[in-house]
Amino acid sequence: MKLDPGQAPPKIEIYCRGLRNPFGFDWDEQGRLLAGEHGPDADHPEELNWLRPGKHYGFPYRFGNLAAPMYPDAAVGPADLLVEKPVLNLGPDAKGIPGPEYTFHPHSAPCGMTFYRKGTLPARYNNGFFLCRFGNFLGKTKVGFDVLHIRLQDTPDGLGARIETFLADLRRPIDICQKDGRLYILE
C-alpha cells in the first residue's frame, strides 16, 4: 500500500499486489524499490522483487521460478493474470538449483535489507544492496544465516542480480541498517 502522510486525511492506495511476506525493502540510486520475500514451506525459491505500481508478483498462484504451488488445494489464478518475475539470481551465491533461479534458496528467509551508497567498506560494495537471510533448517540442508551483497544489472530477461555472500555462519540475522557509512546487523 502507498500513502502520503502529509495529506489530511491520507489517501491510501494499493501500490502492487501478489506479495507473500515481504520483510526488508529499500530504494536504489535509480529509485527502484526492491523487497525480499519469504516463500511457502514447499520448496519454492525465495524472492527478491522489483516492486512497481500496478504489478502482480504471483501470490498465491505462482512462486519463485513462477511454478504453481505444491499444494493439492492451491488457489488457481485468473487466466489473464500477468505475473512479474522476481529478480534473476546471476550467482555465484545463494542459488539452490542449477540453471536460472528467481531468486534465493528455498527456506532461506530473506529479511532486512539496505542499499549501501558509499561508506567505510571497500568501493566494490558501493551502490549495492545488503540483505540478511534469517535462515532455516526446513530443507535438506542448512541455508541462509548470512548477509548477501547484491548488485543489480539488466539482462535480456529482465532485472538480474550478481549475488555474493558478504558474511556467513551468523546466528539469525534479521535486519541491517547503516549510519555514517557503517553497516549494523541485528541478529
Protein backbone atom coordinates (compact mmCIF):
# COMPACT_ATOMS: atom_id res chain seq x y z
CA MET A 1 0.00 0.00 0.00
CA LYS A 2 1.04 3.58 -0.53
CA LEU A 3 0.04 6.73 1.31
CA ASP A 4 1.19 10.30 1.69
CA PRO A 5 1.31 11.11 5.43
CA GLY A 6 1.30 14.82 4.54
CA GLN A 7 -2.25 14.59 3.20
CA ALA A 8 -5.11 15.12 5.61
CA PRO A 9 -6.66 12.60 5.64
CA PRO A 10 -4.06 10.39 3.93
CA LYS A 11 -5.29 8.72 0.75
CA ILE A 12 -4.44 5.00 0.87
CA GLU A 13 -3.73 3.33 -2.48
CA ILE A 14 -2.80 -0.20 -3.48
CA TYR A 15 0.70 0.07 -4.96
CA CYS A 16 1.12 -3.56 -6.13
CA ARG A 17 -0.31 -7.00 -5.37
CA GLY A 18 0.62 -10.64 -5.04
CA LEU A 19 3.28 -10.42 -2.34
CA ARG A 20 3.79 -13.05 0.33
CA ASN A 21 5.64 -11.92 3.46
CA PRO A 22 7.95 -9.18 2.20
CA PHE A 23 10.26 -8.25 5.08
CA GLY A 24 13.11 -5.97 4.01
CA PHE A 25 12.94 -3.27 1.36
CA ASP A 26 14.87 -0.24 0.12
CA TRP A 27 15.32 2.02 -2.89
CA ASP A 28 18.46 2.12 -5.03
CA GLU A 29 20.13 5.13 -6.63
CA GLN A 30 17.71 4.91 -9.59
CA GLY A 31 14.66 4.98 -7.31
CA ARG A 32 13.82 1.29 -7.84
CA LEU A 33 12.03 -0.21 -4.83
CA LEU A 34 13.16 -3.78 -4.08
CA ALA A 35 11.89 -6.17 -1.42
CA GLY A 36 12.96 -9.60 -0.20
CA GLU A 37 10.08 -12.02 0.20
CA HIS A 38 9.53 -15.31 2.02
CA GLY A 39 8.04 -18.17 0.05
CA PRO A 40 5.86 -21.02 1.29
CA ASP A 41 7.02 -24.09 3.21
CA ALA A 42 7.11 -26.02 -0.08
CA ASP A 43 10.47 -25.98 -1.85
CA HIS A 44 9.92 -22.86 -3.97
CA PRO A 45 12.75 -20.30 -4.20
CA GLU A 46 12.54 -17.20 -2.01
CA GLU A 47 12.21 -13.95 -3.96
CA LEU A 48 13.74 -10.53 -4.47
CA ASN A 49 11.17 -8.41 -6.27
CA TRP A 50 11.38 -5.07 -8.03
CA LEU A 51 8.12 -3.51 -6.85
CA ARG A 52 6.33 -1.35 -9.39
CA PRO A 53 2.87 0.24 -9.41
CA GLY A 54 0.03 -1.96 -10.60
CA LYS A 55 2.12 -5.14 -10.94
CA HIS A 56 1.26 -8.56 -9.52
CA TYR A 57 4.01 -10.75 -8.03
CA GLY A 58 2.29 -14.11 -8.03
CA PHE A 59 1.00 -14.91 -4.54
CA PRO A 60 -0.93 -17.17 -4.04
CA TYR A 61 -0.76 -18.53 -7.60
CA ARG A 62 2.95 -18.60 -8.51
CA PHE A 63 6.23 -18.69 -6.56
CA GLY A 64 9.93 -18.17 -7.29
CA ASN A 65 10.54 -19.58 -10.77
CA LEU A 66 6.83 -18.99 -11.49
CA ALA A 67 5.98 -22.56 -10.50
CA ALA A 68 2.47 -23.40 -9.38
CA PRO A 69 2.16 -24.01 -5.64
CA MET A 70 2.97 -27.54 -4.50
CA TYR A 71 -0.25 -27.94 -2.53
CA PRO A 72 -3.24 -30.05 -3.58
CA ASP A 73 -5.66 -27.29 -2.52
CA ALA A 74 -3.71 -24.41 -4.11
CA ALA A 75 -5.62 -21.47 -5.50
CA VAL A 76 -5.89 -21.25 -9.28
CA GLY A 77 -5.09 -17.82 -10.68
CA PRO A 78 -7.16 -15.90 -13.19
CA ALA A 79 -6.31 -16.91 -16.78
CA ASP A 80 -5.43 -13.32 -17.73
CA LEU A 81 -3.19 -12.62 -14.72
CA LEU A 82 0.26 -11.30 -15.69
CA VAL A 83 2.80 -12.26 -13.02
CA GLU A 84 6.07 -10.36 -12.70
CA LYS A 85 9.20 -12.47 -12.45
CA PRO A 86 11.34 -11.98 -9.37
CA VAL A 87 14.91 -10.74 -9.84
CA LEU A 88 17.07 -13.38 -11.54
CA ASN A 89 19.98 -14.67 -9.43
CA LEU A 90 23.08 -14.47 -11.65
CA GLY A 91 25.23 -16.03 -8.91
CA PRO A 92 27.66 -17.00 -7.80
CA ASP A 93 25.94 -17.46 -4.40
CA ALA A 94 22.52 -18.08 -2.80
CA LYS A 95 21.33 -20.41 -5.57
CA GLY A 96 19.57 -23.61 -4.62
CA ILE A 97 19.07 -25.15 -8.07
CA PRO A 98 21.09 -25.48 -11.27
CA GLY A 99 20.12 -23.05 -14.00
CA PRO A 100 18.15 -19.82 -13.60
CA GLU A 101 16.77 -19.17 -10.15
CA TYR A 102 14.35 -16.44 -9.11
CA THR A 103 15.97 -15.56 -6.55
CA PHE A 104 17.28 -17.37 -3.43
CA HIS A 105 17.46 -20.89 -1.98
CA PRO A 106 14.13 -22.19 -0.70
CA HIS A 107 13.69 -21.69 3.06
CA SER A 108 16.49 -19.10 3.39
CA ALA A 109 14.11 -16.40 4.77
CA PRO A 110 15.29 -13.07 3.32
CA CYS A 111 14.78 -10.32 5.89
CA GLY A 112 16.31 -6.89 6.46
CA MET A 113 17.75 -5.03 3.50
CA THR A 114 19.57 -1.77 2.86
CA PHE A 115 21.01 0.00 -0.16
CA TYR A 116 24.62 0.94 0.52
CA ARG A 117 25.65 4.07 -1.39
CA LYS A 118 29.16 4.73 -0.10
CA GLY A 119 30.94 4.42 3.19
CA THR A 120 33.72 2.76 5.12
CA LEU A 121 33.57 -0.55 3.21
CA PRO A 122 35.74 -1.15 0.12
CA ALA A 123 34.47 0.62 -3.02
CA ARG A 124 33.28 -2.66 -4.63
CA TYR A 125 30.32 -2.61 -2.20
CA ASN A 126 29.18 0.91 -3.14
CA ASN A 127 25.79 1.22 -4.82
CA GLY A 128 24.67 -2.30 -3.96
CA PHE A 129 22.16 -3.88 -1.62
CA PHE A 130 22.92 -5.86 1.51
CA LEU A 131 20.30 -8.41 2.50
CA CYS A 132 20.09 -10.61 5.62
CA ARG A 133 18.81 -14.16 5.40
CA PHE A 134 17.41 -15.37 8.71
CA GLY A 135 17.96 -18.98 7.72
CA ASN A 136 16.02 -22.15 8.17
CA PHE A 137 16.51 -25.86 8.74
CA LEU A 138 13.29 -26.94 6.95
CA GLY A 139 15.08 -28.09 3.82
CA LYS A 140 17.57 -30.90 3.39
CA THR A 141 20.50 -28.59 4.09
CA LYS A 142 21.11 -25.53 6.24
CA VAL A 143 20.53 -22.35 4.18
CA GLY A 144 20.70 -18.67 4.99
CA PHE A 145 22.19 -17.45 8.29
CA ASP A 146 24.13 -14.91 6.23
CA VAL A 147 24.31 -11.44 4.72
CA LEU A 148 24.43 -11.14 0.95
CA HIS A 149 25.75 -8.36 -1.26
CA ILE A 150 23.52 -7.78 -4.29
CA ARG A 151 24.48 -5.79 -7.38
CA LEU A 152 21.64 -5.27 -9.87
CA GLN A 153 22.09 -5.49 -13.62
CA ASP A 154 19.79 -5.53 -16.61
CA THR A 155 19.51 -8.81 -18.55
CA PRO A 156 17.56 -9.73 -21.71
CA ASP A 157 15.04 -11.49 -19.42
CA GLY A 158 14.56 -8.55 -17.02
CA LEU A 159 16.33 -7.45 -13.88
CA GLY A 160 19.12 -9.70 -12.63
CA ALA A 161 21.50 -9.58 -9.68
CA ARG A 162 25.06 -10.67 -9.01
CA ILE A 163 24.81 -12.14 -5.53
CA GLU A 164 27.76 -12.84 -3.27
CA THR A 165 27.98 -13.89 0.35
CA PHE A 166 29.25 -10.97 2.45
CA LEU A 167 29.09 -12.63 5.90
CA ALA A 168 28.25 -16.26 6.66
CA ASP A 169 27.52 -18.51 9.62
CA LEU A 170 25.69 -15.85 11.61
CA ARG A 171 23.16 -16.81 14.28
CA ARG A 172 19.95 -15.44 12.82
CA PRO A 173 20.43 -12.06 11.10
CA ILE A 174 17.06 -10.36 10.84
CA ASP A 175 17.79 -6.75 9.93
CA ILE A 176 20.52 -4.48 8.64
CA CYS A 177 20.91 -0.71 8.57
CA GLN A 178 23.64 1.82 8.02
CA LYS A 179 24.80 5.01 9.68
CA ASP A 180 27.77 7.14 8.73
CA GLY A 181 28.88 4.60 6.11
CA ARG A 182 28.90 1.68 8.55
CA LEU A 183 26.66 -1.39 8.47
CA TYR A 184 24.86 -2.59 11.60
CA ILE A 185 23.39 -6.08 11.69
CA LEU A 186 20.70 -7.21 14.13
CA GLU A 187 20.88 -10.95 14.84
